[in-house]
Amino acid sequence: MYVLFSPEGKARMKNWFLPVTVLGLSGLGLLFASERGRERVRQALDKLLEHSDPLGDFHKFCEDQLETIQKNLDRISEALQGPRAS
């Protein structure tokens, strides 16, 4: 079993963390170093911004559902309280 913290309380770096970080950063550097890579990134961002926001649609759906639930809860609350004496 690998222990992340040593008995002295100091955090130990896992053996794979630094090489993976260096590999990832060098891959991003190579991507942005070439004109072809920059063009691909621009195309990906353009496609992302061109299409509608799927999370926004999901958010609207959730808001609608919450409003429906709230209305139903209000109706149930009124029904349980019975007619009020005015």
N, C-alpha and C. Protein backbone atom coordinates (compact mmCIF):
# COMPACT_ATOMS: atom_id res chain seq x y z
N MET A 1 0.84 -1.18 0.00
CA MET A 1 0.00 0.00 0.00
C MET A 1 0.88 1.23 0.00
N TYR A 2 0.55 2.19 -0.86
CA TYR A 2 1.34 3.41 -0.97
C TYR A 2 0.79 4.46 -0.03
N VAL A 3 1.65 5.08 0.74
CA VAL A 3 1.25 6.10 1.70
C VAL A 3 1.58 7.46 1.11
N LEU A 4 0.56 8.33 1.03
CA LEU A 4 0.76 9.66 0.46
C LEU A 4 1.51 10.57 1.42
N PHE A 5 1.31 10.40 2.72
CA PHE A 5 1.98 11.23 3.70
C PHE A 5 2.96 10.37 4.49
N SER A 6 4.13 10.90 4.73
CA SER A 6 5.13 10.19 5.52
C SER A 6 4.80 10.35 7.00
N PRO A 7 5.39 9.50 7.84
CA PRO A 7 5.12 9.61 9.29
C PRO A 7 5.51 10.96 9.86
N GLU A 8 6.44 11.65 9.22
CA GLU A 8 6.85 12.96 9.72
C GLU A 8 5.83 14.04 9.39
N GLY A 9 4.80 13.71 8.61
CA GLY A 9 3.76 14.68 8.27
C GLY A 9 4.02 15.42 6.98
N LYS A 10 5.11 15.11 6.28
CA LYS A 10 5.40 15.78 5.03
C LYS A 10 4.77 15.00 3.87
N ALA A 11 4.21 15.74 2.94
CA ALA A 11 3.59 15.10 1.78
C ALA A 11 4.68 14.58 0.85
N ARG A 12 4.47 13.35 0.34
CA ARG A 12 5.42 12.77 -0.61
C ARG A 12 4.79 12.78 -1.98
N MET A 13 5.58 13.12 -2.98
CA MET A 13 5.08 13.15 -4.35
C MET A 13 5.08 11.73 -4.90
N LYS A 14 4.00 11.37 -5.56
CA LYS A 14 3.96 10.06 -6.17
C LYS A 14 4.97 10.02 -7.32
N ASN A 15 5.47 8.84 -7.64
CA ASN A 15 6.52 8.70 -8.64
C ASN A 15 6.08 9.12 -10.03
N TRP A 16 4.80 9.07 -10.33
CA TRP A 16 4.33 9.34 -11.68
C TRP A 16 3.87 10.77 -11.88
N PHE A 17 3.72 11.54 -10.84
CA PHE A 17 3.13 12.87 -10.96
C PHE A 17 3.99 13.81 -11.80
N LEU A 18 5.25 13.92 -11.52
CA LEU A 18 6.12 14.84 -12.24
C LEU A 18 6.28 14.46 -13.71
N PRO A 19 6.54 13.19 -14.07
CA PRO A 19 6.66 12.86 -15.49
C PRO A 19 5.37 13.11 -16.27
N VAL A 20 4.23 12.82 -15.69
CA VAL A 20 2.96 13.05 -16.38
C VAL A 20 2.73 14.54 -16.58
N THR A 21 3.07 15.34 -15.59
CA THR A 21 2.91 16.79 -15.70
C THR A 21 3.81 17.34 -16.80
N VAL A 22 5.06 16.91 -16.81
CA VAL A 22 6.00 17.38 -17.83
C VAL A 22 5.55 16.94 -19.22
N LEU A 23 5.09 15.70 -19.35
CA LEU A 23 4.61 15.20 -20.63
C LEU A 23 3.40 15.98 -21.11
N GLY A 24 2.46 16.26 -20.22
CA GLY A 24 1.27 17.03 -20.60
C GLY A 24 1.60 18.44 -21.01
N LEU A 25 2.44 19.11 -20.25
CA LEU A 25 2.82 20.48 -20.59
C LEU A 25 3.62 20.55 -21.88
N SER A 26 4.50 19.57 -22.11
CA SER A 26 5.26 19.58 -23.36
C SER A 26 4.35 19.29 -24.55
N GLY A 27 3.33 18.44 -24.36
CA GLY A 27 2.37 18.20 -25.43
C GLY A 27 1.59 19.45 -25.78
N LEU A 28 1.18 20.20 -24.77
CA LEU A 28 0.49 21.47 -25.04
C LEU A 28 1.41 22.47 -25.71
N GLY A 29 2.67 22.49 -25.30
CA GLY A 29 3.64 23.38 -25.93
C GLY A 29 3.83 23.05 -27.40
N LEU A 30 3.91 21.76 -27.71
CA LEU A 30 4.06 21.35 -29.11
C LEU A 30 2.80 21.68 -29.92
N LEU A 31 1.66 21.56 -29.29
CA LEU A 31 0.40 21.86 -29.98
C LEU A 31 0.35 23.32 -30.38
N PHE A 32 0.73 24.21 -29.48
CA PHE A 32 0.69 25.63 -29.78
C PHE A 32 1.92 26.13 -30.53
N ALA A 33 2.96 25.33 -30.64
CA ALA A 33 4.17 25.75 -31.34
C ALA A 33 4.00 25.73 -32.85
N SER A 34 3.18 24.82 -33.36
CA SER A 34 3.02 24.73 -34.80
C SER A 34 1.78 25.49 -35.26
N GLU A 35 1.83 25.98 -36.47
CA GLU A 35 0.69 26.68 -37.05
C GLU A 35 -0.51 25.75 -37.19
N ARG A 36 -0.24 24.51 -37.56
CA ARG A 36 -1.32 23.52 -37.72
C ARG A 36 -2.02 23.27 -36.38
N GLY A 37 -1.24 23.18 -35.32
CA GLY A 37 -1.81 22.97 -33.99
C GLY A 37 -2.66 24.14 -33.55
N ARG A 38 -2.16 25.36 -33.77
CA ARG A 38 -2.94 26.54 -33.41
C ARG A 38 -4.23 26.62 -34.22
N GLU A 39 -4.17 26.24 -35.50
CA GLU A 39 -5.36 26.24 -36.34
C GLU A 39 -6.39 25.23 -35.83
N ARG A 40 -5.92 24.07 -35.41
CA ARG A 40 -6.83 23.05 -34.86
C ARG A 40 -7.50 23.55 -33.58
N VAL A 41 -6.75 24.22 -32.74
CA VAL A 41 -7.31 24.76 -31.50
C VAL A 41 -8.35 25.82 -31.83
N ARG A 42 -8.06 26.70 -32.80
CA ARG A 42 -9.02 27.72 -33.22
C ARG A 42 -10.29 27.08 -33.76
N GLN A 43 -10.14 26.04 -34.59
CA GLN A 43 -11.32 25.36 -35.14
C GLN A 43 -12.16 24.73 -34.02
N ALA A 44 -11.51 24.11 -33.07
CA ALA A 44 -12.24 23.48 -31.97
C ALA A 44 -12.99 24.52 -31.14
N LEU A 45 -12.35 25.65 -30.87
CA LEU A 45 -13.01 26.71 -30.11
C LEU A 45 -14.17 27.31 -30.90
N ASP A 46 -13.98 27.50 -32.21
CA ASP A 46 -15.06 28.03 -33.05
C ASP A 46 -16.26 27.10 -33.05
N LYS A 47 -16.02 25.80 -33.17
CA LYS A 47 -17.13 24.83 -33.15
C LYS A 47 -17.82 24.83 -31.79
N LEU A 48 -17.05 24.95 -30.75
CA LEU A 48 -17.62 24.97 -29.41
C LEU A 48 -18.50 26.20 -29.20
N LEU A 49 -18.04 27.36 -29.67
CA LEU A 49 -18.80 28.60 -29.49
C LEU A 49 -19.96 28.71 -30.47
N GLU A 50 -19.86 28.02 -31.60
CA GLU A 50 -20.90 28.08 -32.63
C GLU A 50 -22.18 27.39 -32.20
N HIS A 51 -22.05 26.28 -31.53
CA HIS A 51 -23.22 25.51 -31.14
C HIS A 51 -23.81 26.06 -29.85
N SER A 52 -25.08 25.76 -29.63
CA SER A 52 -25.73 26.25 -28.41
C SER A 52 -25.09 25.60 -27.19
N ASP A 53 -25.34 26.21 -26.08
CA ASP A 53 -24.76 25.75 -24.83
C ASP A 53 -25.59 24.59 -24.27
N PRO A 54 -25.10 23.35 -24.31
CA PRO A 54 -25.89 22.23 -23.81
C PRO A 54 -26.11 22.31 -22.30
N LEU A 55 -25.18 22.87 -21.57
CA LEU A 55 -25.36 23.01 -20.13
C LEU A 55 -26.42 24.05 -19.82
N GLY A 56 -26.52 25.08 -20.66
CA GLY A 56 -27.56 26.08 -20.48
C GLY A 56 -28.94 25.48 -20.68
N ASP A 57 -29.07 24.61 -21.68
CA ASP A 57 -30.35 23.93 -21.92
C ASP A 57 -30.70 23.02 -20.74
N PHE A 58 -29.71 22.33 -20.21
CA PHE A 58 -29.93 21.46 -19.06
C PHE A 58 -30.33 22.28 -17.84
N HIS A 59 -29.68 23.43 -17.67
CA HIS A 59 -30.00 24.32 -16.55
C HIS A 59 -31.45 24.80 -16.65
N LYS A 60 -31.88 25.19 -17.85
CA LYS A 60 -33.26 25.64 -18.04
C LYS A 60 -34.24 24.51 -17.73
N PHE A 61 -33.93 23.30 -18.18
CA PHE A 61 -34.78 22.15 -17.90
C PHE A 61 -34.91 21.93 -16.39
N CYS A 62 -33.79 21.99 -15.67
CA CYS A 62 -33.81 21.79 -14.22
C CYS A 62 -34.61 22.88 -13.53
N GLU A 63 -34.46 24.13 -13.98
CA GLU A 63 -35.22 25.23 -13.39
C GLU A 63 -36.72 25.02 -13.59
N ASP A 64 -37.11 24.60 -14.79
CA ASP A 64 -38.52 24.33 -15.07
C ASP A 64 -39.05 23.22 -14.17
N GLN A 65 -38.27 22.18 -14.00
CA GLN A 65 -38.70 21.07 -13.16
C GLN A 65 -38.83 21.51 -11.70
N LEU A 66 -37.90 22.31 -11.23
CA LEU A 66 -37.96 22.80 -9.85
C LEU A 66 -39.18 23.70 -9.63
N GLU A 67 -39.51 24.52 -10.63
CA GLU A 67 -40.71 25.36 -10.52
C GLU A 67 -41.96 24.50 -10.44
N THR A 68 -42.02 23.45 -11.26
CA THR A 68 -43.17 22.55 -11.24
C THR A 68 -43.29 21.85 -9.89
N ILE A 69 -42.18 21.39 -9.37
CA ILE A 69 -42.17 20.73 -8.06
C ILE A 69 -42.63 21.70 -6.97
N GLN A 70 -42.13 22.94 -7.02
CA GLN A 70 -42.51 23.94 -6.02
C GLN A 70 -44.01 24.23 -6.08
N LYS A 71 -44.57 24.35 -7.28
CA LYS A 71 -46.01 24.58 -7.41
C LYS A 71 -46.80 23.41 -6.84
N ASN A 72 -46.38 22.20 -7.14
CA ASN A 72 -47.06 21.02 -6.60
C ASN A 72 -46.97 20.95 -5.09
N LEU A 73 -45.81 21.28 -4.54
CA LEU A 73 -45.66 21.29 -3.08
C LEU A 73 -46.55 22.35 -2.44
N ASP A 74 -46.67 23.50 -3.09
CA ASP A 74 -47.56 24.54 -2.57
C ASP A 74 -49.01 24.07 -2.57
N ARG A 75 -49.42 23.41 -3.65
CA ARG A 75 -50.78 22.89 -3.73
C ARG A 75 -51.03 21.83 -2.66
N ILE A 76 -50.07 20.95 -2.43
CA ILE A 76 -50.21 19.92 -1.40
C ILE A 76 -50.30 20.57 -0.02
N SER A 77 -49.46 21.57 0.22
CA SER A 77 -49.47 22.28 1.51
C SER A 77 -50.82 22.92 1.76
N GLU A 78 -51.38 23.57 0.74
CA GLU A 78 -52.69 24.20 0.89
C GLU A 78 -53.77 23.14 1.15
N ALA A 79 -53.68 22.01 0.46
CA ALA A 79 -54.68 20.95 0.65
C ALA A 79 -54.60 20.36 2.05
N LEU A 80 -53.41 20.23 2.59
CA LEU A 80 -53.25 19.66 3.93
C LEU A 80 -53.69 20.63 5.02
N GLN A 81 -53.56 21.90 4.77
CA GLN A 81 -53.98 22.89 5.76
C GLN A 81 -55.48 23.04 5.80
N GLY A 82 -56.15 22.68 4.75
CA GLY A 82 -57.62 22.77 4.70
C GLY A 82 -58.05 24.20 4.49
N PRO A 83 -59.35 24.40 4.46
CA PRO A 83 -59.86 25.77 4.26
C PRO A 83 -59.55 26.63 5.48
N ARG A 84 -59.12 27.81 5.21
CA ARG A 84 -58.78 28.74 6.29
C ARG A 84 -60.00 29.54 6.68
N ALA A 85 -60.10 29.80 7.96
CA ALA A 85 -61.21 30.63 8.44
C ALA A 85 -60.86 32.09 8.20
N SER A 86 -61.64 32.75 7.42
CA SER A 86 -61.36 34.16 7.13
C SER A 86 -62.27 35.07 7.88
